[in-house]
Amino acid sequence: MAKKNIPYDQKYYDPEIECMPRPELEKLQLERLQEMVKYAYDNTVYYHRSFDEAGVAPEDIKTLSDIQKLPFINKQTERDTQHVGTFFGEMCSVPEDDVVFMATSSGSTGVPTVSPFTQEDFDLWQDTEARLFWQAGMRPNDRYVHGLNFALYVGGPDVIGAQRLGATAIWVGAVPSDRLMFVLQHYQPTVIWTSPSYAWALGEKAKAKGLDPKKDFSIHTIIVAGEPGGSIKSTREAIEEMWGAKVVDFFGLSDIYGACAAMCEAKDGLHIVEDQILVETVDPVTGEVLAPGSKGELVYTTLMKKARPMIRFRTGDIGYVSTEKCECGRTHARIHVTGRKDEMFIVGAVNVFPSDVEYVVRAERGLTGEYSIRVYNENYTTRYEVSVERAQGSDEAYDAVSKRVEQALKAHTGVRPAKVIVFDAGKLGVSSEHKASRFIDERENN
């Protein structure tokens, strides 16, 4: 598709969709939900069987709330049905000949799951990326570095959305830091997309080489995804200060497509593309649907993706949804992801997420911002310890650093860690070229 001819100073990429009054938006969602449920029932082995077993038929969906009649799916559903009967399995609704692209999950929580796309799916996806890039501030006169992995990763093709918008796209991918810094120095791109941890690590490596990310590079916007850091104020502001650039958080998942939600200038949650995805919040244990604003597990239903419909997909992400109109003028709901169900731990009856710890570590002075969390059982009680790094050149006593970080964690989370271990800068070993592995769960039965 050709790029849209939009004036650079136009605020919205697609104002009719992005600012649609909620009653009209919900009417559109219902129409698309009804069409999708019927399509899935008529064209997929899995949904036909699961709807019948649940005693629900497509014609039973008369309101948006009727979606509660439909059964949930999750990652295990994908694993159990993929490659059954056909290559893409029982959840795929089209012949393999109609699939033009496939991505897979990382497999970090089990067997990688395959995500197929028809040409129609793919084009819709890249139109959506262009919309979100525009929302982030990208314009056709920008040079964009796509610093994401291209190897089977669903975020890889998002670079095409930047091209569709009209920006100059530099397909860098997952390359060593020195190579990426060469690109930043010699091609002077203005926008880059990477993970929060890598944006931080890259800035530190640049400074170690005598470069100033603010002066020697031309980046004005850093798009981040894959980790919660972009929506954690202390992390976001630390990266912004290092680079002299704004940080914009994106959210996507391999089960649907690359980015499907993005932060706006209000920096109060991420607008999800509600014209294409219906979002619910449910109780993580009972599955009961919760009211907007209540914290629970986020559940998504695709309204337009044809190759593999995802109906009531339980993500394992914990968060809440805001449906009131944002100060930016967009009416689409904002998701606030606060953690992962499988990474939450309870200490002294208090729910703690890794993002809570990150907030403290990135806000505390005299630290590099790197951290790791170890959760374990001791005397039938859950405990946690946190490892951090002193800032480069710091001579503050290890005990002093440990004590003040302990106090800050107690104040923010409500529970004191069993221990805070302090390393020198660069010695913790969690810095990553992409996603950083920071959570170690040593509890039995976890």
Foldseek 3Di string as FASTA:
>chain_A
DAADPDPLPDQFPDCCQQQPPVVVLQVLLLVLVLVVLQLQCVFFQVSVVQCVVLVHDSVQSPHPVSLVSHDADEPVNQVVAAPPPHNRGRQFRDPPVQWDDKAWAPCPPHDIGIATAGPVLVVVVLCLLLRQCVLQPDALDFEEEEAAAPHSHQQQVNLVSSVSRNHHYDDDYLDDLVVVVVCQQPVQTAEYEAALLQLLVSLVVCVVVVHQLQPRHRHAEYEHEDDQQLLQVLSQVLSCVRNVHHYKYFYDDSNRGHTQWIDGPVSPFTFGSSSFKDKFFAAAPPRHTDDAPDKHFIFIFTSDGRRGTRRRYGYQFIWGKDQPADPSSGRGIGTDTDAGNVQWDAAPNFTDHVSLLLSLLSNDPQFSSDKAKEWEDDPNGIAMEMETEGPAPDPPDQVVVFVVSQVSSCVRRVDGHPTYHYHYPPPPPQRDSHDTHRYHYHYPPD
